[in-house]
Amino acid sequence: MALVLICECGSKLEIDPGFKGRMISCPDCNRPLRIQRTPPRLFTVALLSLGTSILGFLTIVGSLAGMAMGYWAAKTIERDPHRWSGHAYAKAGLYTGIAGLITTLLLHYVGESIGIDGFLREIRWAGQLDYPNDFNVEKTISNEFKARLVRPSHAWGVVKVSDSGSATPELGLFNTWLDGFILCLSPEVGFNDDEETCRRKGLESLQSSALVRQLGKIPDTKKEGEIRELKQSPQGDQEMYLDLRTGQIDRTILVLIRKTQNRLFVLAGGTRRSRFPAQESTLRTALQSFKKVE
């Protein structure tokens, strides 16, 4: 489409768009005329690519999406630079996406060995843990009594979970650096329920608890978990190790189930399977510190 230019002498000129940015002379008065170049418009996808890469920096999907949009935007702008701007945004989105993808993969494969995973859990659990001065923590888990546990150290925070989505109220502790948890809950059972029924109900209550759900989704194929070394403890509890996968993490959980009349006390302490042998003694001591406070 031809450009229309009017000279001060009154002449009306129709100029080919290819002359944008050049100087021409008016054919009637020879006055020099500059044909202004229309500024290129911002290519929106370039800006979106940078935003996507930043927001999805520690996710594979977000990083790949930012990379793809950044690459496409950069190529589009390079093909028609007079029409589109934002090449710097596109490059930034592309490179940020690459950095996010590399960082995500590194954290997945070597994050645990260098301790970065603990830092990320600190961010994820921010505002969800209390760190009181007292090592003894209590919470009402029944209309009749409270549960009391002793925190192993100041690194163990008290989980501020909402019991609205859980089958029963619970008292939970979590250590972000160890990725370990300690949990106490007390579901109701029938007075005449046998050990197998109590064990099934206790494990169902554990796996549907708010704290365990916070750790990540349990795959449907391994919903039950795998019980190992089921035995009777000196205190008369059912004691077992439960291997359970939550949120793509394999965990080993020490579980104690105690029955008193129509109540179960489910005490569980677990961490990543690779860390469990080193933490078992700490977890067992914390579970054995449980007391029912009338």
Protein backbone atom coordinates (compact mmCIF):
# COMPACT_ATOMS: atom_id res chain seq x y z
CA MET A 1 0.00 0.00 0.00
CA ALA A 2 1.47 3.35 -1.10
CA LEU A 3 2.35 6.00 1.48
CA VAL A 4 0.81 9.45 1.07
CA LEU A 5 3.12 12.42 1.75
CA ILE A 6 2.17 16.11 1.42
CA CYS A 7 4.96 18.64 0.84
CA GLU A 8 4.90 22.16 2.29
CA CYS A 9 4.38 23.41 -1.22
CA GLY A 10 1.09 21.56 -1.36
CA SER A 11 2.16 18.71 -3.62
CA LYS A 12 0.64 15.31 -2.73
CA LEU A 13 3.02 12.43 -3.28
CA GLU A 14 2.37 8.69 -3.27
CA ILE A 15 5.51 6.88 -2.12
CA ASP A 16 6.37 3.20 -2.28
CA PRO A 17 6.70 1.70 1.26
CA GLY A 18 10.20 0.59 0.37
CA PHE A 19 11.39 4.20 0.67
CA LYS A 20 10.67 4.35 4.42
CA GLY A 21 13.54 6.02 6.26
CA ARG A 22 15.01 7.62 3.10
CA MET A 23 15.32 11.20 1.86
CA ILE A 24 13.60 12.21 -1.39
CA SER A 25 13.08 15.50 -3.19
CA CYS A 26 9.71 17.01 -3.95
CA PRO A 27 9.30 16.89 -7.78
CA ASP A 28 7.63 20.32 -7.77
CA CYS A 29 9.81 22.42 -5.44
CA ASN A 30 12.86 20.18 -4.90
CA ARG A 31 12.40 20.48 -1.14
CA PRO A 32 14.13 17.57 0.66
CA LEU A 33 11.61 15.28 2.36
CA ARG A 34 12.30 12.47 4.86
CA ILE A 35 9.91 9.55 4.81
CA GLN A 36 9.41 8.53 8.45
CA ARG A 37 9.84 4.88 9.29
CA THR A 38 6.91 3.34 11.22
CA PRO A 39 8.29 1.95 14.53
CA PRO A 40 8.01 -1.84 14.77
CA ARG A 41 5.42 -3.29 17.16
CA LEU A 42 6.31 -5.44 20.15
CA PHE A 43 5.87 -9.14 19.36
CA THR A 44 3.80 -10.21 22.39
CA VAL A 45 4.98 -13.82 22.33
CA ALA A 46 8.52 -12.61 23.01
CA LEU A 47 7.42 -11.06 26.29
CA LEU A 48 5.27 -14.08 27.15
CA SER A 49 8.23 -16.39 26.62
CA LEU A 50 10.26 -14.57 29.26
CA GLY A 51 7.36 -14.56 31.73
CA THR A 52 6.71 -18.27 31.19
CA SER A 53 10.37 -19.17 31.67
CA ILE A 54 10.57 -17.16 34.91
CA LEU A 55 7.31 -18.47 36.40
CA GLY A 56 8.09 -22.05 35.41
CA PHE A 57 11.82 -21.85 36.15
CA LEU A 58 12.02 -24.98 38.32
CA THR A 59 9.58 -27.05 36.27
CA ILE A 60 10.30 -29.03 33.12
CA VAL A 61 7.02 -28.05 31.42
CA GLY A 62 7.41 -24.34 32.17
CA SER A 63 11.03 -24.26 31.01
CA LEU A 64 10.27 -26.12 27.76
CA ALA A 65 7.30 -23.85 27.02
CA GLY A 66 9.40 -20.73 27.61
CA MET A 67 12.16 -22.09 25.38
CA ALA A 68 9.76 -22.94 22.54
CA MET A 69 8.03 -19.55 22.61
CA GLY A 70 11.35 -17.70 22.87
CA TYR A 71 12.83 -19.55 19.88
CA TRP A 72 9.74 -19.00 17.72
CA ALA A 73 9.50 -15.31 18.67
CA ALA A 74 13.20 -14.70 17.95
CA LYS A 75 12.94 -16.28 14.50
CA THR A 76 9.75 -14.35 13.67
CA ILE A 77 11.34 -11.04 14.64
CA GLU A 78 14.53 -11.80 12.72
CA ARG A 79 12.52 -12.47 9.54
CA ASP A 80 10.75 -9.10 9.71
CA PRO A 81 12.64 -6.70 12.03
CA HIS A 82 10.95 -3.63 10.52
CA ARG A 83 7.55 -4.91 11.61
CA TRP A 84 8.31 -6.58 14.97
CA SER A 85 10.41 -5.70 18.02
CA GLY A 86 11.18 -7.60 21.23
CA HIS A 87 14.12 -9.67 20.05
CA ALA A 88 15.88 -9.16 23.42
CA TYR A 89 12.80 -10.46 25.29
CA ALA A 90 12.66 -13.52 23.04
CA LYS A 91 16.35 -14.33 23.59
CA ALA A 92 15.97 -13.79 27.33
CA GLY A 93 12.97 -16.14 27.40
CA LEU A 94 14.89 -18.76 25.42
CA TYR A 95 18.01 -18.64 27.58
CA THR A 96 16.06 -18.46 30.86
CA GLY A 97 14.11 -21.54 29.78
CA ILE A 98 17.35 -23.40 29.00
CA ALA A 99 18.78 -22.42 32.39
CA GLY A 100 15.57 -23.49 34.14
CA LEU A 101 15.54 -26.87 32.40
CA ILE A 102 19.20 -27.57 33.24
CA THR A 103 18.69 -26.47 36.86
CA THR A 104 15.57 -28.63 37.23
CA LEU A 105 17.34 -31.72 35.88
CA LEU A 106 20.37 -31.13 38.11
CA LEU A 107 18.18 -30.76 41.17
CA HIS A 108 16.31 -33.94 40.30
CA TYR A 109 19.42 -36.07 39.93
CA VAL A 110 21.97 -34.52 42.30
CA GLY A 111 19.94 -32.10 44.46
CA GLU A 112 19.74 -34.50 47.40
CA SER A 113 23.47 -35.17 47.46
CA ILE A 114 24.39 -31.48 47.59
CA GLY A 115 21.57 -30.39 49.91
CA ILE A 116 19.71 -28.08 47.54
CA ASP A 117 16.51 -30.12 47.91
CA GLY A 118 16.34 -29.07 51.57
CA PHE A 119 16.49 -25.41 50.60
CA LEU A 120 13.64 -25.90 48.10
CA ARG A 121 11.52 -27.62 50.76
CA GLU A 122 12.15 -24.66 53.07
CA ILE A 123 10.55 -22.48 50.41
CA ARG A 124 7.69 -24.90 49.75
CA TRP A 125 6.82 -25.30 53.44
CA ALA A 126 7.21 -21.60 54.30
CA GLY A 127 4.40 -20.49 56.59
CA GLN A 128 3.20 -24.06 57.18
CA LEU A 129 5.42 -24.91 60.15
CA ASP A 130 5.66 -23.54 63.68
CA TYR A 131 8.91 -23.68 65.67
CA PRO A 132 7.99 -23.22 69.35
CA ASN A 133 10.65 -22.95 72.04
CA ASP A 134 9.19 -25.90 73.95
CA PHE A 135 10.16 -29.37 72.70
CA ASN A 136 6.91 -30.82 74.08
CA VAL A 137 4.03 -30.20 71.66
CA GLU A 138 0.37 -31.02 72.20
CA LYS A 139 -2.73 -31.05 70.05
CA THR A 140 -6.33 -32.15 70.54
CA ILE A 141 -6.90 -35.17 68.31
CA SER A 142 -10.09 -36.35 70.06
CA ASN A 143 -12.93 -34.86 72.08
CA GLU A 144 -11.57 -36.76 75.06
CA PHE A 145 -7.84 -36.09 75.05
CA LYS A 146 -4.78 -34.45 73.53
CA ALA A 147 -1.70 -36.08 72.05
CA ARG A 148 1.78 -35.08 73.17
CA LEU A 149 5.03 -35.66 71.30
CA VAL A 150 8.60 -34.56 71.97
CA ARG A 151 10.33 -32.85 69.04
CA PRO A 152 13.73 -34.47 68.33
CA SER A 153 15.35 -31.02 67.84
CA HIS A 154 14.57 -27.41 66.94
CA ALA A 155 14.83 -28.38 63.25
CA TRP A 156 11.51 -30.21 63.56
CA GLY A 157 8.57 -27.87 63.00
CA VAL A 158 4.97 -28.43 64.04
CA VAL A 159 2.79 -28.77 60.95
CA LYS A 160 -0.03 -26.24 60.72
CA VAL A 161 -2.38 -28.48 58.73
CA SER A 162 -6.08 -27.97 58.22
CA ASP A 163 -8.00 -30.97 59.51
CA SER A 164 -11.02 -30.17 57.34
CA GLY A 165 -9.90 -32.49 54.54
CA SER A 166 -8.61 -35.23 56.83
CA ALA A 167 -10.57 -38.13 58.27
CA THR A 168 -9.30 -37.38 61.77
CA PRO A 169 -7.38 -34.57 63.51
CA GLU A 170 -3.62 -35.12 63.66
CA LEU A 171 -0.42 -33.94 65.30
CA GLY A 172 2.45 -33.75 62.85
CA LEU A 173 6.11 -32.74 62.84
CA PHE A 174 8.23 -32.13 59.76
CA ASN A 175 11.95 -31.59 59.11
CA THR A 176 12.51 -29.80 55.82
CA TRP A 177 16.21 -30.64 55.56
CA LEU A 178 15.77 -34.35 56.28
CA ASP A 179 12.45 -34.60 54.42
CA GLY A 180 11.26 -36.50 57.47
CA PHE A 181 7.94 -36.50 59.31
CA ILE A 182 6.44 -37.71 62.58
CA LEU A 183 2.70 -38.14 62.83
CA CYS A 184 0.12 -39.04 65.47
CA LEU A 185 -3.57 -39.60 64.83
CA SER A 186 -6.40 -41.47 66.53
CA PRO A 187 -9.18 -42.84 64.30
CA GLU A 188 -12.20 -44.61 65.76
CA VAL A 189 -12.53 -48.40 65.47
CA GLY A 190 -15.02 -50.98 66.62
CA PHE A 191 -14.64 -52.38 70.11
CA ASN A 192 -14.38 -55.93 68.75
CA ASP A 193 -12.19 -55.19 65.72
CA ASP A 194 -9.33 -57.69 65.41
CA GLU A 195 -5.67 -56.83 64.77
CA GLU A 196 -5.92 -57.16 61.00
CA THR A 197 -8.92 -54.80 60.84
CA CYS A 198 -7.21 -52.31 63.14
CA ARG A 199 -4.06 -52.44 61.01
CA ARG A 200 -6.03 -51.83 57.82
CA LYS A 201 -7.95 -48.90 59.31
CA GLY A 202 -4.81 -47.46 60.85
CA LEU A 203 -2.88 -47.53 57.56
CA GLU A 204 -5.85 -46.07 55.67
CA SER A 205 -6.00 -43.23 58.19
CA LEU A 206 -2.25 -42.66 57.83
CA GLN A 207 -2.27 -42.54 54.04
CA SER A 208 -5.29 -40.21 53.93
CA SER A 209 -3.84 -37.84 56.53
CA ALA A 210 -3.30 -34.18 55.64
CA LEU A 211 0.45 -34.41 56.26
CA VAL A 212 1.01 -37.43 54.01
CA ARG A 213 -1.14 -35.85 51.28
CA GLN A 214 1.02 -32.73 51.57
CA LEU A 215 4.10 -34.87 50.77
CA GLY A 216 2.67 -35.77 47.37
CA LYS A 217 0.19 -37.96 45.56
CA ILE A 218 0.33 -41.69 46.21
CA PRO A 219 0.26 -43.63 42.91
CA ASP A 220 -2.91 -45.70 42.53
CA THR A 221 -0.83 -48.79 41.74
CA LYS A 222 0.87 -48.59 45.16
CA LYS A 223 -1.96 -47.16 47.24
CA GLU A 224 -1.58 -49.80 49.94
CA GLY A 225 2.17 -49.54 50.29
CA GLU A 226 4.30 -52.57 51.20
CA ILE A 227 4.42 -53.78 54.80
CA ARG A 228 7.67 -55.32 56.07
CA GLU A 229 8.66 -56.97 59.35
CA LEU A 230 5.25 -56.92 61.01
CA LYS A 231 5.63 -57.80 64.70
CA GLN A 232 4.42 -57.13 68.22
CA SER A 233 6.39 -54.51 70.14
CA PRO A 234 7.27 -54.91 73.86
CA GLN A 235 4.50 -52.38 74.63
CA GLY A 236 1.93 -54.53 72.79
CA ASP A 237 1.73 -52.32 69.68
CA GLN A 238 1.61 -53.62 66.15
CA GLU A 239 4.95 -52.53 64.72
CA MET A 240 5.85 -52.53 61.05
CA TYR A 241 7.80 -50.80 58.29
CA LEU A 242 5.75 -49.38 55.46
CA ASP A 243 7.38 -48.69 52.08
CA LEU A 244 5.32 -46.02 50.36
CA ARG A 245 5.85 -43.82 47.31
CA THR A 246 4.58 -40.24 47.61
CA GLY A 247 5.21 -37.44 45.14
CA GLN A 248 7.74 -39.53 43.15
CA ILE A 249 9.74 -40.18 46.34
CA ASP A 250 10.22 -43.66 47.85
CA ARG A 251 9.80 -43.48 51.62
CA THR A 252 10.13 -45.90 54.49
CA ILE A 253 7.83 -45.31 57.45
CA LEU A 254 8.03 -46.85 60.92
CA VAL A 255 4.43 -47.43 62.05
CA LEU A 256 3.14 -48.28 65.54
CA ILE A 257 -0.56 -49.10 65.95
CA ARG A 258 -2.02 -49.28 69.45
CA LYS A 259 -5.65 -50.17 70.29
CA THR A 260 -7.51 -49.08 73.41
CA GLN A 261 -11.20 -49.95 73.49
CA ASN A 262 -12.77 -48.10 70.51
CA ARG A 263 -9.73 -45.97 69.71
CA LEU A 264 -6.61 -46.51 67.63
CA PHE A 265 -3.38 -44.60 68.13
CA VAL A 266 -1.44 -44.52 64.88
CA LEU A 267 2.14 -43.32 65.33
CA ALA A 268 4.27 -42.97 62.21
CA GLY A 269 7.73 -41.63 61.49
CA GLY A 270 9.28 -41.71 58.05
CA THR A 271 11.71 -40.20 55.59
CA ARG A 272 13.25 -41.01 52.22
CA ARG A 273 14.17 -44.66 51.94
CA SER A 274 17.86 -43.83 51.41
CA ARG A 275 17.92 -41.78 54.63
CA PHE A 276 15.80 -44.02 56.82
CA PRO A 277 18.56 -46.25 58.31
CA ALA A 278 20.42 -43.19 59.62
CA GLN A 279 17.22 -41.60 61.00
CA GLU A 280 15.39 -44.67 62.34
CA SER A 281 16.63 -44.25 65.92
CA THR A 282 15.55 -40.59 66.03
CA LEU A 283 12.14 -41.40 64.60
CA ARG A 284 11.60 -44.33 66.99
CA THR A 285 12.53 -42.22 70.03
CA ALA A 286 10.06 -39.52 68.96
CA LEU A 287 7.25 -42.05 68.50
CA GLN A 288 7.95 -43.62 71.87
CA SER A 289 7.66 -40.16 73.47
CA PHE A 290 3.92 -40.16 72.69
CA LYS A 291 1.59 -39.60 75.62
CA LYS A 292 -2.16 -39.24 75.89
CA VAL A 293 -3.04 -36.13 77.88
CA GLU A 294 -6.52 -36.22 79.44
